[in-house]
Amino acid sequence: MKDRLSLSIFTVEVDGKPVLTLEARLYSEAEAIVADERLRAALCAVKSGGEALCDDCSILRLRLARPDEAKHYKMTPSEAMDGHLKLVYLVDLDEPGDTEAGELS
């Protein structure tokens, strides 16, 4: 049955602010991604407006993406390879070398 489920787009909020979107078949799969410490580490390493997107005390929440967030996700080109997760930031990133789409393996 898992193969018949379509992908849904989810938004990760950091301290109540929508920060990035990702795609998963099940809410529980997306929830596991958010619970992974690699995601928190990635968010701590990226800055927007001169500040890290999160810190060790930040609260990360998951929800279904709103229509505008889902559209942004779908319209952002992906260079994600098989086995990698496409992450699309909803905030402007500070570092010029960063792109809107990221990967988490």
PDB file of N, CA and C in Angstrom:
ATOM      1  N   MET A   1       0.826  -1.196   0.000  1.00  0.00           N
ATOM      2  CA  MET A   1       0.000   0.000   0.000  1.00  0.00           C
ATOM      3  C   MET A   1       0.867   1.255   0.000  1.00  0.00           C
ATOM      4  N   LYS A   2       2.031   1.177   0.640  1.00  0.00           N
ATOM      5  CA  LYS A   2       2.905   2.336   0.735  1.00  0.00           C
ATOM      6  C   LYS A   2       3.263   2.873  -0.648  1.00  0.00           C
ATOM      7  N   ASP A   3       3.438   1.976  -1.630  1.00  0.00           N
ATOM      8  CA  ASP A   3       3.791   2.401  -2.974  1.00  0.00           C
ATOM      9  C   ASP A   3       2.662   3.158  -3.656  1.00  0.00           C
ATOM     10  N   ARG A   4       1.433   2.965  -3.202  1.00  0.00           N
ATOM     11  CA  ARG A   4       0.294   3.637  -3.825  1.00  0.00           C
ATOM     12  C   ARG A   4       0.041   5.025  -3.251  1.00  0.00           C
ATOM     13  N   LEU A   5       0.699   5.357  -2.161  1.00  0.00           N
ATOM     14  CA  LEU A   5       0.498   6.666  -1.555  1.00  0.00           C
ATOM     15  C   LEU A   5       1.239   7.730  -2.353  1.00  0.00           C
ATOM     16  N   SER A   6       0.602   8.863  -2.541  1.00  0.00           N
ATOM     17  CA  SER A   6       1.264   9.951  -3.239  1.00  0.00           C
ATOM     18  C   SER A   6       2.100  10.754  -2.251  1.00  0.00           C
ATOM     19  N   LEU A   7       3.035  11.505  -2.782  1.00  0.00           N
ATOM     20  CA  LEU A   7       3.882  12.336  -1.947  1.00  0.00           C
ATOM     21  C   LEU A   7       3.123  13.580  -1.503  1.00  0.00           C
ATOM     22  N   SER A   8       3.343  13.964  -0.274  1.00  0.00           N
ATOM     23  CA  SER A   8       2.783  15.203   0.267  1.00  0.00           C
ATOM     24  C   SER A   8       3.933  16.136   0.589  1.00  0.00           C
ATOM     25  N   ILE A   9       3.654  17.420   0.549  1.00  0.00           N
ATOM     26  CA  ILE A   9       4.671  18.412   0.874  1.00  0.00           C
ATOM     27  C   ILE A   9       4.383  18.932   2.276  1.00  0.00           C
ATOM     28  N   PHE A  10       5.429  18.943   3.094  1.00  0.00           N
ATOM     29  CA  PHE A  10       5.326  19.369   4.480  1.00  0.00           C
ATOM     30  C   PHE A  10       6.200  20.596   4.708  1.00  0.00           C
ATOM     31  N   THR A  11       5.798  21.406   5.666  1.00  0.00           N
ATOM     32  CA  THR A  11       6.568  22.581   6.065  1.00  0.00           C
ATOM     33  C   THR A  11       7.105  22.358   7.471  1.00  0.00           C
ATOM     34  N   VAL A  12       8.374  22.720   7.650  1.00  0.00           N
ATOM     35  CA  VAL A  12       8.993  22.684   8.963  1.00  0.00           C
ATOM     36  C   VAL A  12       9.017  24.117   9.490  1.00  0.00           C
ATOM     37  N   GLU A  13       8.423  24.305  10.646  1.00  0.00           N
ATOM     38  CA  GLU A  13       8.448  25.604  11.312  1.00  0.00           C
ATOM     39  C   GLU A  13       9.485  25.552  12.423  1.00  0.00           C
ATOM     40  N   VAL A  14      10.260  26.620  12.535  1.00  0.00           N
ATOM     41  CA  VAL A  14      11.225  26.754  13.616  1.00  0.00           C
ATOM     42  C   VAL A  14      10.742  27.901  14.493  1.00  0.00           C
ATOM     43  N   ASP A  15      10.424  27.587  15.721  1.00  0.00           N
ATOM     44  CA  ASP A  15       9.885  28.574  16.660  1.00  0.00           C
ATOM     45  C   ASP A  15       8.720  29.353  16.048  1.00  0.00           C
ATOM     46  N   GLY A  16       7.851  28.623  15.327  1.00  0.00           N
ATOM     47  CA  GLY A  16       6.648  29.207  14.754  1.00  0.00           C
ATOM     48  C   GLY A  16       6.807  29.856  13.394  1.00  0.00           C
ATOM     49  N   LYS A  17       8.036  29.904  12.868  1.00  0.00           N
ATOM     50  CA  LYS A  17       8.282  30.531  11.564  1.00  0.00           C
ATOM     51  C   LYS A  17       8.519  29.457  10.509  1.00  0.00           C
ATOM     52  N   PRO A  18       7.757  29.491   9.391  1.00  0.00           N
ATOM     53  CA  PRO A  18       7.986  28.521   8.321  1.00  0.00           C
ATOM     54  C   PRO A  18       9.374  28.729   7.717  1.00  0.00           C
ATOM     55  N   VAL A  19      10.182  27.666   7.726  1.00  0.00           N
ATOM     56  CA  VAL A  19      11.573  27.787   7.301  1.00  0.00           C
ATOM     57  C   VAL A  19      11.889  26.949   6.064  1.00  0.00           C
ATOM     58  N   LEU A  20      11.375  25.730   5.994  1.00  0.00           N
ATOM     59  CA  LEU A  20      11.678  24.905   4.823  1.00  0.00           C
ATOM     60  C   LEU A  20      10.568  23.924   4.547  1.00  0.00           C
ATOM     61  N   THR A  21      10.594  23.387   3.325  1.00  0.00           N
ATOM     62  CA  THR A  21       9.610  22.391   2.922  1.00  0.00           C
ATOM     63  C   THR A  21      10.333  21.134   2.470  1.00  0.00           C
ATOM     64  N   LEU A  22       9.622  20.020   2.570  1.00  0.00           N
ATOM     65  CA  LEU A  22      10.148  18.730   2.135  1.00  0.00           C
ATOM     66  C   LEU A  22       8.982  17.859   1.705  1.00  0.00           C
ATOM     67  N   GLU A  23       9.298  16.759   1.058  1.00  0.00           N
ATOM     68  CA  GLU A  23       8.272  15.873   0.526  1.00  0.00           C
ATOM     69  C   GLU A  23       8.402  14.492   1.167  1.00  0.00           C
ATOM     70  N   ALA A  24       7.268  13.879   1.515  1.00  0.00           N
ATOM     71  CA  ALA A  24       7.251  12.532   2.080  1.00  0.00           C
ATOM     72  C   ALA A  24       5.912  11.883   1.787  1.00  0.00           C
ATOM     73  N   ARG A  25       5.879  10.562   1.835  1.00  0.00           N
ATOM     74  CA  ARG A  25       4.624   9.836   1.596  1.00  0.00           C
ATOM     75  C   ARG A  25       3.701   9.880   2.813  1.00  0.00           C
ATOM     76  N   LEU A  26       4.291   9.754   3.987  1.00  0.00           N
ATOM     77  CA  LEU A  26       3.508   9.698   5.215  1.00  0.00           C
ATOM     78  C   LEU A  26       3.960  10.781   6.186  1.00  0.00           C
ATOM     79  N   TYR A  27       3.035  11.222   7.020  1.00  0.00           N
ATOM     80  CA  TYR A  27       3.385  12.199   8.048  1.00  0.00           C
ATOM     81  C   TYR A  27       4.479  11.634   8.946  1.00  0.00           C
ATOM     82  N   SER A  28       4.383  10.358   9.268  1.00  0.00           N
ATOM     83  CA  SER A  28       5.376   9.743  10.152  1.00  0.00           C
ATOM     84  C   SER A  28       6.774   9.755   9.534  1.00  0.00           C
ATOM     85  N   GLU A  29       6.863   9.633   8.207  1.00  0.00           N
ATOM     86  CA  GLU A  29       8.165   9.715   7.539  1.00  0.00           C
ATOM     87  C   GLU A  29       8.724  11.131   7.655  1.00  0.00           C
ATOM     88  N   ALA A  30       7.888  12.126   7.431  1.00  0.00           N
ATOM     89  CA  ALA A  30       8.319  13.515   7.548  1.00  0.00           C
ATOM     90  C   ALA A  30       8.696  13.828   8.992  1.00  0.00           C
ATOM     91  N   GLU A  31       7.945  13.278   9.919  1.00  0.00           N
ATOM     92  CA  GLU A  31       8.218  13.481  11.336  1.00  0.00           C
ATOM     93  C   GLU A  31       9.591  12.912  11.715  1.00  0.00           C
ATOM     94  N   ALA A  32       9.942  11.766  11.148  1.00  0.00           N
ATOM     95  CA  ALA A  32      11.247  11.160  11.420  1.00  0.00           C
ATOM     96  C   ALA A  32      12.378  12.031  10.880  1.00  0.00           C
ATOM     97  N   ILE A  33      12.153  12.664   9.747  1.00  0.00           N
ATOM     98  CA  ILE A  33      13.160  13.562   9.168  1.00  0.00           C
ATOM     99  C   ILE A  33      13.384  14.752  10.091  1.00  0.00           C
ATOM    100  N   VAL A  34      12.292  15.321  10.597  1.00  0.00           N
ATOM    101  CA  VAL A  34      12.386  16.477  11.487  1.00  0.00           C
ATOM    102  C   VAL A  34      13.060  16.088  12.800  1.00  0.00           C
ATOM    103  N   ALA A  35      12.856  14.863  13.259  1.00  0.00           N
ATOM    104  CA  ALA A  35      13.453  14.401  14.507  1.00  0.00           C
ATOM    105  C   ALA A  35      14.944  14.083  14.353  1.00  0.00           C
ATOM    106  N   ASP A  36      15.407  13.936  13.128  1.00  0.00           N
ATOM    107  CA  ASP A  36      16.809  13.602  12.874  1.00  0.00           C
ATOM    108  C   ASP A  36      17.702  14.793  13.232  1.00  0.00           C
ATOM    109  N   GLU A  37      18.700  14.543  14.037  1.00  0.00           N
ATOM    110  CA  GLU A  37      19.600  15.617  14.482  1.00  0.00           C
ATOM    111  C   GLU A  37      20.371  16.256  13.326  1.00  0.00           C
ATOM    112  N   ARG A  38      20.511  15.545  12.200  1.00  0.00           N
ATOM    113  CA  ARG A  38      21.205  16.131  11.041  1.00  0.00           C
ATOM    114  C   ARG A  38      20.440  17.323  10.487  1.00  0.00           C
ATOM    115  N   LEU A  39      19.111  17.278  10.556  1.00  0.00           N
ATOM    116  CA  LEU A  39      18.329  18.414  10.086  1.00  0.00           C
ATOM    117  C   LEU A  39      18.548  19.617  10.994  1.00  0.00           C
ATOM    118  N   ARG A  40      18.493  19.406  12.300  1.00  0.00           N
ATOM    119  CA  ARG A  40      18.731  20.507  13.241  1.00  0.00           C
ATOM    120  C   ARG A  40      20.135  21.079  13.030  1.00  0.00           C
ATOM    121  N   ALA A  41      21.120  20.216  12.850  1.00  0.00           N
ATOM    122  CA  ALA A  41      22.500  20.682  12.627  1.00  0.00           C
ATOM    123  C   ALA A  41      22.583  21.520  11.352  1.00  0.00           C
ATOM    124  N   ALA A  42      21.891  21.084  10.308  1.00  0.00           N
ATOM    125  CA  ALA A  42      21.888  21.837   9.048  1.00  0.00           C
ATOM    126  C   ALA A  42      21.233  23.200   9.243  1.00  0.00           C
ATOM    127  N   LEU A  43      20.131  23.247   9.968  1.00  0.00           N
ATOM    128  CA  LEU A  43      19.444  24.512  10.217  1.00  0.00           C
ATOM    129  C   LEU A  43      20.270  25.443  11.106  1.00  0.00           C
ATOM    130  N   CYS A  44      21.020  24.880  12.024  1.00  0.00           N
ATOM    131  CA  CYS A  44      21.881  25.690  12.894  1.00  0.00           C
ATOM    132  C   CYS A  44      23.050  26.285  12.106  1.00  0.00           C
ATOM    133  N   ALA A  45      23.455  25.600  11.049  1.00  0.00           N
ATOM    134  CA  ALA A  45      24.611  26.042  10.267  1.00  0.00           C
ATOM    135  C   ALA A  45      24.259  27.104   9.227  1.00  0.00           C
ATOM    136  N   VAL A  46      22.985  27.237   8.885  1.00  0.00           N
ATOM    137  CA  VAL A  46      22.552  28.178   7.848  1.00  0.00           C
ATOM    138  C   VAL A  46      22.027  29.456   8.506  1.00  0.00           C
ATOM    139  N   LYS A  47      22.357  30.595   7.910  1.00  0.00           N
ATOM    140  CA  LYS A  47      21.916  31.877   8.472  1.00  0.00           C
ATOM    141  C   LYS A  47      20.989  32.615   7.515  1.00  0.00           C
ATOM    142  N   SER A  48      20.075  33.353   8.128  1.00  0.00           N
ATOM    143  CA  SER A  48      19.174  34.231   7.404  1.00  0.00           C
ATOM    144  C   SER A  48      19.060  35.512   8.224  1.00  0.00           C
ATOM    145  N   GLY A  49      19.301  36.631   7.595  1.00  0.00           N
ATOM    146  CA  GLY A  49      19.252  37.899   8.324  1.00  0.00           C
ATOM    147  C   GLY A  49      20.328  37.992   9.395  1.00  0.00           C
ATOM    148  N   GLY A  50      21.444  37.301   9.185  1.00  0.00           N
ATOM    149  CA  GLY A  50      22.553  37.341  10.121  1.00  0.00           C
ATOM    150  C   GLY A  50      22.434  36.399  11.302  1.00  0.00           C
ATOM    151  N   GLU A  51      21.335  35.640  11.375  1.00  0.00           N
ATOM    152  CA  GLU A  51      21.135  34.726  12.494  1.00  0.00           C
ATOM    153  C   GLU A  51      20.913  33.306  11.992  1.00  0.00           C
ATOM    154  N   ALA A  52      21.358  32.338  12.783  1.00  0.00           N
ATOM    155  CA  ALA A  52      21.131  30.933  12.450  1.00  0.00           C
ATOM    156  C   ALA A  52      19.628  30.665  12.412  1.00  0.00           C
ATOM    157  N   LEU A  53      19.215  29.770  11.532  1.00  0.00           N
ATOM    158  CA  LEU A  53      17.789  29.459  11.425  1.00  0.00           C
ATOM    159  C   LEU A  53      17.238  28.811  12.687  1.00  0.00           C
ATOM    160  N   CYS A  54      18.103  28.133  13.459  1.00  0.00           N
ATOM    161  CA  CYS A  54      17.661  27.569  14.724  1.00  0.00           C
ATOM    162  C   CYS A  54      18.862  27.386  15.641  1.00  0.00           C
ATOM    163  N   ASP A  55      18.570  27.010  16.879  1.00  0.00           N
ATOM    164  CA  ASP A  55      19.623  26.678  17.829  1.00  0.00           C
ATOM    165  C   ASP A  55      19.186  25.431  18.590  1.00  0.00           C
ATOM    166  N   ASP A  56      19.965  25.044  19.580  1.00  0.00           N
ATOM    167  CA  ASP A  56      19.667  23.812  20.318  1.00  0.00           C
ATOM    168  C   ASP A  56      18.345  23.865  21.080  1.00  0.00           C
ATOM    169  N   CYS A  57      17.860  25.063  21.363  1.00  0.00           N
ATOM    170  CA  CYS A  57      16.612  25.211  22.131  1.00  0.00           C
ATOM    171  C   CYS A  57      15.381  25.458  21.251  1.00  0.00           C
ATOM    172  N   SER A  58      15.592  25.619  19.952  1.00  0.00           N
ATOM    173  CA  SER A  58      14.476  25.904  19.043  1.00  0.00           C
ATOM    174  C   SER A  58      13.496  24.740  18.991  1.00  0.00           C
ATOM    175  N   ILE A  59      12.237  25.083  18.799  1.00  0.00           N
ATOM    176  CA  ILE A  59      11.187  24.081  18.664  1.00  0.00           C
ATOM    177  C   ILE A  59      10.875  23.917  17.184  1.00  0.00           C
ATOM    178  N   LEU A  60      11.048  22.700  16.676  1.00  0.00           N
ATOM    179  CA  LEU A  60      10.733  22.391  15.292  1.00  0.00           C
ATOM    180  C   LEU A  60       9.379  21.697  15.248  1.00  0.00           C
ATOM    181  N   ARG A  61       8.503  22.205  14.394  1.00  0.00           N
ATOM    182  CA  ARG A  61       7.169  21.619  14.232  1.00  0.00           C
ATOM    183  C   ARG A  61       6.951  21.301  12.756  1.00  0.00           C
ATOM    184  N   LEU A  62       6.145  20.308  12.529  1.00  0.00           N
ATOM    185  CA  LEU A  62       5.851  19.851  11.176  1.00  0.00           C
ATOM    186  C   LEU A  62       4.366  20.022  10.901  1.00  0.00           C
ATOM    187  N   ARG A  63       4.045  20.448   9.683  1.00  0.00           N
ATOM    188  CA  ARG A  63       2.647  20.554   9.262  1.00  0.00           C
ATOM    189  C   ARG A  63       2.599  20.390   7.751  1.00  0.00           C
ATOM    190  N   LEU A  64       1.410  20.162   7.227  1.00  0.00           N
ATOM    191  CA  LEU A  64       1.246  20.144   5.774  1.00  0.00           C
ATOM    192  C   LEU A  64       1.530  21.537   5.235  1.00  0.00           C
ATOM    193  N   ALA A  65       2.175  21.595   4.087  1.00  0.00           N
ATOM    194  CA  ALA A  65       2.496  22.886   3.482  1.00  0.00           C
ATOM    195  C   ALA A  65       1.219  23.572   3.002  1.00  0.00           C
ATOM    196  N   ARG A  66       1.204  24.880   3.131  1.00  0.00           N
ATOM    197  CA  ARG A  66       0.111  25.677   2.576  1.00  0.00           C
ATOM    198  C   ARG A  66       0.292  25.715   1.062  1.00  0.00           C
ATOM    199  N   PRO A  67      -0.767  26.047   0.322  1.00  0.00           N
ATOM    200  CA  PRO A  67      -0.674  26.030  -1.144  1.00  0.00           C
ATOM    201  C   PRO A  67       0.495  26.846  -1.707  1.00  0.00           C
ATOM    202  N   ASP A  68       0.754  28.036  -1.161  1.00  0.00           N
ATOM    203  CA  ASP A  68       1.857  28.847  -1.684  1.00  0.00           C
ATOM    204  C   ASP A  68       3.209  28.219  -1.373  1.00  0.00           C
ATOM    205  N   GLU A  69       3.332  27.564  -0.230  1.00  0.00           N
ATOM    206  CA  GLU A  69       4.582  26.889   0.129  1.00  0.00           C
ATOM    207  C   GLU A  69       4.807  25.662  -0.755  1.00  0.00           C
ATOM    208  N   ALA A  70       3.737  24.918  -1.017  1.00  0.00           N
ATOM    209  CA  ALA A  70       3.830  23.741  -1.885  1.00  0.00           C
ATOM    210  C   ALA A  70       4.211  24.149  -3.310  1.00  0.00           C
ATOM    211  N   LYS A  71       3.635  25.236  -3.784  1.00  0.00           N
ATOM    212  CA  LYS A  71       3.967  25.727  -5.124  1.00  0.00           C
ATOM    213  C   LYS A  71       5.434  26.124  -5.196  1.00  0.00           C
ATOM    214  N   HIS A  72       5.916  26.820  -4.177  1.00  0.00           N
ATOM    215  CA  HIS A  72       7.327  27.224  -4.119  1.00  0.00           C
ATOM    216  C   HIS A  72       8.228  25.987  -4.153  1.00  0.00           C
ATOM    217  N   TYR A  73       7.853  24.958  -3.407  1.00  0.00           N
ATOM    218  CA  TYR A  73       8.626  23.712  -3.382  1.00  0.00           C
ATOM    219  C   TYR A  73       8.699  23.088  -4.782  1.00  0.00           C
ATOM    220  N   LYS A  74       7.538  22.986  -5.418  1.00  0.00           N
ATOM    221  CA  LYS A  74       7.477  22.341  -6.737  1.00  0.00           C
ATOM    222  C   LYS A  74       8.213  23.133  -7.814  1.00  0.00           C
ATOM    223  N   MET A  75       8.227  24.458  -7.686  1.00  0.00           N
ATOM    224  CA  MET A  75       8.835  25.302  -8.719  1.00  0.00           C
ATOM    225  C   MET A  75      10.344  25.478  -8.526  1.00  0.00           C
ATOM    226  N   THR A  76      10.873  25.088  -7.381  1.00  0.00           N
ATOM    227  CA  THR A  76      12.300  25.224  -7.127  1.00  0.00           C
ATOM    228  C   THR A  76      13.024  24.031  -7.729  1.00  0.00           C
ATOM    229  N   PRO A  77      13.979  24.291  -8.620  1.00  0.00           N
ATOM    230  CA  PRO A  77      14.714  23.185  -9.242  1.00  0.00           C
ATOM    231  C   PRO A  77      15.443  22.358  -8.195  1.00  0.00           C
ATOM    232  N   SER A  78      15.539  21.089  -8.482  1.00  0.00           N
ATOM    233  CA  SER A  78      16.198  20.181  -7.545  1.00  0.00           C
ATOM    234  C   SER A  78      17.407  19.550  -8.196  1.00  0.00           C
ATOM    235  N   GLU A  79      18.468  19.477  -7.422  1.00  0.00           N
ATOM    236  CA  GLU A  79      19.633  18.732  -7.861  1.00  0.00           C
ATOM    237  C   GLU A  79      19.800  17.511  -6.972  1.00  0.00           C
ATOM    238  N   ALA A  80      18.737  17.164  -6.244  1.00  0.00           N
ATOM    239  CA  ALA A  80      18.800  16.026  -5.337  1.00  0.00           C
ATOM    240  C   ALA A  80      18.921  14.738  -6.139  1.00  0.00           C
ATOM    241  N   MET A  81      19.792  13.874  -5.689  1.00  0.00           N
ATOM    242  CA  MET A  81      20.005  12.587  -6.342  1.00  0.00           C
ATOM    243  C   MET A  81      19.208  11.524  -5.586  1.00  0.00           C
ATOM    244  N   ASP A  82      19.122  10.323  -6.167  1.00  0.00           N
ATOM    245  CA  ASP A  82      18.456   9.217  -5.475  1.00  0.00           C
ATOM    246  C   ASP A  82      19.107   9.030  -4.108  1.00  0.00           C
ATOM    247  N   GLY A  83      18.283   8.831  -3.094  1.00  0.00           N
ATOM    248  CA  GLY A  83      18.798   8.640  -1.753  1.00  0.00           C
ATOM    249  C   GLY A  83      18.987   9.936  -0.988  1.00  0.00           C
ATOM    250  N   HIS A  84      18.733  11.065  -1.619  1.00  0.00           N
ATOM    251  CA  HIS A  84      18.856  12.350  -0.943  1.00  0.00           C
ATOM    252  C   HIS A  84      17.484  13.003  -0.863  1.00  0.00           C
ATOM    253  N   LEU A  85      17.325  13.804   0.134  1.00  0.00           N
ATOM    254  CA  LEU A  85      16.063  14.488   0.365  1.00  0.00           C
ATOM    255  C   LEU A  85      16.159  15.924  -0.117  1.00  0.00           C
ATOM    256  N   LYS A  86      15.204  16.354  -0.900  1.00  0.00           N
ATOM    257  CA  LYS A  86      15.158  17.740  -1.361  1.00  0.00           C
ATOM    258  C   LYS A  86      14.544  18.605  -0.276  1.00  0.00           C
ATOM    259  N   LEU A  87      15.286  19.623   0.143  1.00  0.00           N
ATOM    260  CA  LEU A  87      14.796  20.609   1.101  1.00  0.00           C
ATOM    261  C   LEU A  87      14.753  21.950   0.399  1.00  0.00           C
ATOM    262  N   VAL A  88      13.643  22.652   0.502  1.00  0.00           N
ATOM    263  CA  VAL A  88      13.520  23.976  -0.112  1.00  0.00           C
ATOM    264  C   VAL A  88      13.262  24.982   0.998  1.00  0.00           C
ATOM    265  N   TYR A  89      14.183  25.923   1.133  1.00  0.00           N
ATOM    266  CA  TYR A  89      14.067  26.951   2.169  1.00  0.00           C
ATOM    267  C   TYR A  89      13.012  27.975   1.773  1.00  0.00           C
ATOM    268  N   LEU A  90      12.257  28.422   2.754  1.00  0.00           N
ATOM    269  CA  LEU A  90      11.228  29.437   2.558  1.00  0.00           C
ATOM    270  C   LEU A  90      11.712  30.813   2.991  1.00  0.00           C
ATOM    271  N   VAL A  91      12.945  30.900   3.420  1.00  0.00           N
ATOM    272  CA  VAL A  91      13.549  32.159   3.858  1.00  0.00           C
ATOM    273  C   VAL A  91      14.774  32.435   2.985  1.00  0.00           C
ATOM    274  N   ASP A  92      15.149  33.696   2.905  1.00  0.00           N
ATOM    275  CA  ASP A  92      16.360  34.061   2.172  1.00  0.00           C
ATOM    276  C   ASP A  92      17.571  33.712   3.015  1.00  0.00           C
ATOM    277  N   LEU A  93      18.524  33.035   2.400  1.00  0.00           N
ATOM    278  CA  LEU A  93      19.743  32.646   3.100  1.00  0.00           C
ATOM    279  C   LEU A  93      20.812  33.704   2.890  1.00  0.00           C
ATOM    280  N   ASP A  94      21.651  33.915   3.904  1.00  0.00           N
ATOM    281  CA  ASP A  94      22.665  34.956   3.865  1.00  0.00           C
ATOM    282  C   ASP A  94      23.832  34.662   2.930  1.00  0.00           C
ATOM    283  N   GLU A  95      24.358  33.476   2.999  1.00  0.00           N
ATOM    284  CA  GLU A  95      25.586  33.171   2.275  1.00  0.00           C
ATOM    285  C   GLU A  95      25.318  33.044   0.782  1.00  0.00           C
ATOM    286  N   PRO A  96      26.082  33.780  -0.043  1.00  0.00           N
ATOM    287  CA  PRO A  96      25.851  33.751  -1.488  1.00  0.00           C
ATOM    288  C   PRO A  96      26.092  32.374  -2.105  1.00  0.00           C
ATOM    289  N   GLY A  97      26.890  31.540  -1.473  1.00  0.00           N
ATOM    290  CA  GLY A  97      27.165  30.212  -2.016  1.00  0.00           C
ATOM    291  C   GLY A  97      26.034  29.239  -1.797  1.00  0.00           C
ATOM    292  N   ASP A  98      25.106  29.563  -0.888  1.00  0.00           N
ATOM    293  CA  ASP A  98      23.972  28.697  -0.618  1.00  0.00           C
ATOM    294  C   ASP A  98      22.923  28.853  -1.697  1.00  0.00           C
ATOM    295  N   THR A  99      22.201  27.768  -1.976  1.00  0.00           N
ATOM    296  CA  THR A  99      21.093  27.817  -2.929  1.00  0.00           C
ATOM    297  C   THR A  99      19.792  27.632  -2.169  1.00  0.00           C
ATOM    298  N   GLU A 100      18.686  27.870  -2.837  1.00  0.00           N
ATOM    299  CA  GLU A 100      17.383  27.695  -2.200  1.00  0.00           C
ATOM    300  C   GLU A 100      17.113  26.236  -1.902  1.00  0.00           C
ATOM    301  N   ALA A 101      17.552  25.368  -2.771  1.00  0.00           N
ATOM    302  CA  ALA A 101      17.309  23.945  -2.554  1.00  0.00           C
ATOM    303  C   ALA A 101      18.537  23.354  -1.899  1.00  0.00           C
ATOM    304  N   GLY A 102      18.318  22.498  -0.931  1.00  0.00           N
ATOM    305  CA  GLY A 102      19.415  21.839  -0.258  1.00  0.00           C
ATOM    306  C   GLY A 102      19.170  20.349  -0.247  1.00  0.00           C
ATOM    307  N   GLU A 103      20.108  19.614   0.308  1.00  0.00           N
ATOM    308  CA  GLU A 103      19.976  18.173   0.384  1.00  0.00           C
ATOM    309  C   GLU A 103      20.309  17.706   1.772  1.00  0.00           C
ATOM    310  N   LEU A 104      19.666  16.648   2.174  1.00  0.00           N
ATOM    311  CA  LEU A 104      19.983  15.979   3.420  1.00  0.00           C
ATOM    312  C   LEU A 104      20.033  14.510   3.078  1.00  0.00           C
ATOM    313  N   SER A 105      21.194  13.899   3.281  1.00  0.00           N
ATOM    314  CA  SER A 105      21.308  12.470   2.918  1.00  0.00           C
ATOM    315  C   SER A 105      21.140  11.592   4.109  1.00  0.00           C
TER     316      SER A 105
END
